[in-house]
Amino acid sequence: MQMRWCCRRTLPATPTCVPPLAHIEAAWGGIDLMVYLAGTYAPMRAPGIDLARVRQTFDINVIGCYAALAAVMPGMLAQGAGAVAIVSSVAGYRGLPNALSYGPTKAALINLAEALYLDLRPRDKRASNRPRVRGHTAHRAEQVQHARRS
């Protein structure tokens, strides 16, 4: 079996990533794996809530993921193959000091990965979320799905 390896290509998760994405899809025949591994962190505590910084954190950590998904998902669905990995953080599972804006964005990514998994599962696509310490979120989604059927 011959494996093709594209040199790692990092695309900004904005609408401007669509033209380079089209070039990659044309050159390589599609996207096999999209890894969303982006984030920004700024220490923030309750006495110093900075709404502009909160918006920036959500734009990069959450909205950026949606932009990347919006760019790759049509191609993956059309080619009938592909996988998505969304990397979050343990901060999404539990409140951490100084993470007043960061933690909620990572919780949103965990929830997004679980919902995406459930949405794509009938289509036989893969979506996962692998925070640094916690286990595979898709496994938890399977447990929830099993419980709903019971």
Protein backbone atom coordinates (compact mmCIF):
# COMPACT_ATOMS: atom_id res chain seq x y z
CA MET A 1 0.00 0.00 0.00
CA GLN A 2 1.39 3.36 -0.97
CA MET A 3 0.69 6.30 1.31
CA ARG A 4 0.65 9.87 0.12
CA TRP A 5 1.77 12.48 2.57
CA CYS A 6 1.06 16.07 1.88
CA CYS A 7 3.46 18.38 3.59
CA ARG A 8 1.56 19.79 6.51
CA ARG A 9 -0.47 22.74 5.37
CA THR A 10 -1.75 25.20 7.90
CA LEU A 11 -4.69 27.27 6.79
CA PRO A 12 -6.22 30.14 8.67
CA ALA A 13 -9.75 29.25 9.78
CA THR A 14 -11.39 32.11 7.95
CA PRO A 15 -13.29 32.47 4.70
CA THR A 16 -9.90 33.12 3.06
CA CYS A 17 -8.98 29.46 3.58
CA VAL A 18 -11.41 28.32 0.86
CA PRO A 19 -9.21 29.08 -2.23
CA PRO A 20 -6.10 27.29 -0.81
CA LEU A 21 -8.37 24.47 0.30
CA ALA A 22 -9.71 24.08 -3.24
CA HIS A 23 -6.11 23.87 -4.48
CA ILE A 24 -5.28 21.16 -1.92
CA GLU A 25 -8.42 19.21 -2.78
CA ALA A 26 -7.58 19.40 -6.50
CA ALA A 27 -3.95 18.38 -5.99
CA TRP A 28 -4.57 15.59 -3.50
CA GLY A 29 -8.07 14.43 -4.39
CA GLY A 30 -9.68 15.57 -1.16
CA ILE A 31 -9.07 16.13 2.51
CA ASP A 32 -8.57 12.96 4.55
CA LEU A 33 -8.16 14.58 7.95
CA MET A 34 -8.82 18.02 9.34
CA VAL A 35 -7.24 18.73 12.72
CA TYR A 36 -8.49 21.84 14.44
CA LEU A 37 -5.73 22.77 16.83
CA ALA A 38 -6.02 26.47 17.39
CA GLY A 39 -6.50 28.54 20.43
CA THR A 40 -5.71 31.67 22.26
CA TYR A 41 -5.49 32.21 25.98
CA ALA A 42 -5.43 35.36 28.04
CA PRO A 43 -5.62 35.17 31.81
CA MET A 44 -8.92 36.58 33.01
CA ARG A 45 -10.64 36.72 36.37
CA ALA A 46 -14.04 38.00 37.42
CA PRO A 47 -12.92 41.46 38.57
CA GLY A 48 -11.29 42.12 35.20
CA ILE A 49 -13.71 40.80 32.57
CA ASP A 50 -12.65 42.22 29.23
CA LEU A 51 -15.49 41.75 26.74
CA ALA A 52 -13.29 42.51 23.74
CA ARG A 53 -10.85 39.79 24.83
CA VAL A 54 -13.75 37.36 25.44
CA ARG A 55 -15.02 37.98 21.89
CA GLN A 56 -11.52 37.49 20.46
CA THR A 57 -11.11 34.23 22.38
CA PHE A 58 -14.46 32.91 21.14
CA ASP A 59 -13.70 34.04 17.57
CA ILE A 60 -10.43 32.12 17.46
CA ASN A 61 -11.26 29.10 19.60
CA VAL A 62 -14.87 28.44 18.56
CA ILE A 63 -15.92 30.45 15.51
CA GLY A 64 -12.63 29.55 13.83
CA CYS A 65 -13.52 25.88 14.23
CA TYR A 66 -16.90 26.45 12.62
CA ALA A 67 -15.20 28.29 9.74
CA ALA A 68 -12.82 25.37 9.22
CA LEU A 69 -15.69 22.87 9.35
CA ALA A 70 -17.74 24.93 6.90
CA ALA A 71 -14.77 24.88 4.52
CA VAL A 72 -13.96 21.14 4.65
CA MET A 73 -17.26 19.45 5.40
CA PRO A 74 -18.86 19.81 1.93
CA GLY A 75 -15.83 18.18 0.30
CA MET A 76 -15.64 15.38 2.86
CA LEU A 77 -19.34 14.63 2.47
CA ALA A 78 -19.04 14.71 -1.33
CA GLN A 79 -16.04 12.34 -1.35
CA GLY A 80 -17.73 10.07 1.18
CA ALA A 81 -14.64 9.97 3.39
CA GLY A 82 -12.69 12.02 5.87
CA ALA A 83 -12.16 12.59 9.55
CA VAL A 84 -12.25 15.61 11.81
CA ALA A 85 -10.26 15.97 15.02
CA ILE A 86 -11.05 18.89 17.29
CA VAL A 87 -8.49 19.49 20.02
CA SER A 88 -9.76 21.21 23.12
CA SER A 89 -8.44 21.21 26.68
CA VAL A 90 -9.16 19.88 30.13
CA ALA A 91 -10.18 23.47 30.85
CA GLY A 92 -13.39 22.65 28.98
CA TYR A 93 -14.37 20.02 31.53
CA ARG A 94 -13.75 21.99 34.69
CA GLY A 95 -13.30 25.60 35.65
CA LEU A 96 -9.68 26.58 36.06
CA PRO A 97 -8.18 29.68 37.67
CA ASN A 98 -7.63 32.60 35.30
CA ALA A 99 -9.52 30.85 32.49
CA LEU A 100 -12.77 32.80 32.55
CA SER A 101 -12.93 33.12 28.76
CA TYR A 102 -10.66 30.26 27.70
CA GLY A 103 -12.45 27.44 29.57
CA PRO A 104 -15.91 28.14 28.14
CA THR A 105 -14.51 28.11 24.59
CA LYS A 106 -12.93 24.71 25.15
CA ALA A 107 -16.19 23.42 26.65
CA ALA A 108 -17.92 24.62 23.48
CA LEU A 109 -15.42 22.65 21.36
CA ILE A 110 -16.03 19.50 23.39
CA ASN A 111 -19.78 19.88 22.92
CA LEU A 112 -19.32 20.64 19.22
CA ALA A 113 -17.22 17.51 18.71
CA GLU A 114 -19.81 15.36 20.48
CA ALA A 115 -22.68 16.84 18.47
CA LEU A 116 -20.70 16.53 15.25
CA TYR A 117 -19.95 12.91 16.04
CA LEU A 118 -23.65 12.15 16.51
CA ASP A 119 -24.56 14.06 13.36
CA LEU A 120 -21.95 12.35 11.17
CA ARG A 121 -22.19 8.86 12.63
CA PRO A 122 -25.12 7.82 10.40
CA ARG A 123 -23.05 8.95 7.41
CA ASP A 124 -20.10 6.85 8.59
CA LYS A 125 -17.83 9.86 9.08
CA ARG A 126 -15.55 10.28 12.05
CA ALA A 127 -15.36 13.18 14.47
CA SER A 128 -13.33 13.19 17.61
CA ASN A 129 -12.18 15.41 20.38
CA ARG A 130 -8.98 14.56 22.17
CA PRO A 131 -8.20 16.82 25.06
CA ARG A 132 -4.78 16.32 26.58
CA VAL A 133 -5.81 14.26 29.58
CA ARG A 134 -9.40 13.11 29.21
CA GLY A 135 -10.40 10.16 27.06
CA HIS A 136 -11.95 10.06 23.63
CA THR A 137 -15.11 12.19 23.67
CA ALA A 138 -16.64 10.15 20.87
CA HIS A 139 -16.67 7.19 23.28
CA ARG A 140 -18.81 9.25 25.65
CA ALA A 141 -21.09 10.12 22.74
CA GLU A 142 -21.52 6.40 22.05
CA GLN A 143 -22.47 5.88 25.69
CA VAL A 144 -25.07 8.65 25.46
CA GLN A 145 -26.42 7.24 22.20
CA HIS A 146 -26.66 3.77 23.74
CA ALA A 147 -28.48 5.17 26.77
CA ARG A 148 -30.99 6.97 24.53
CA ARG A 149 -31.78 3.73 22.68
CA SER A 150 -32.35 1.84 25.94
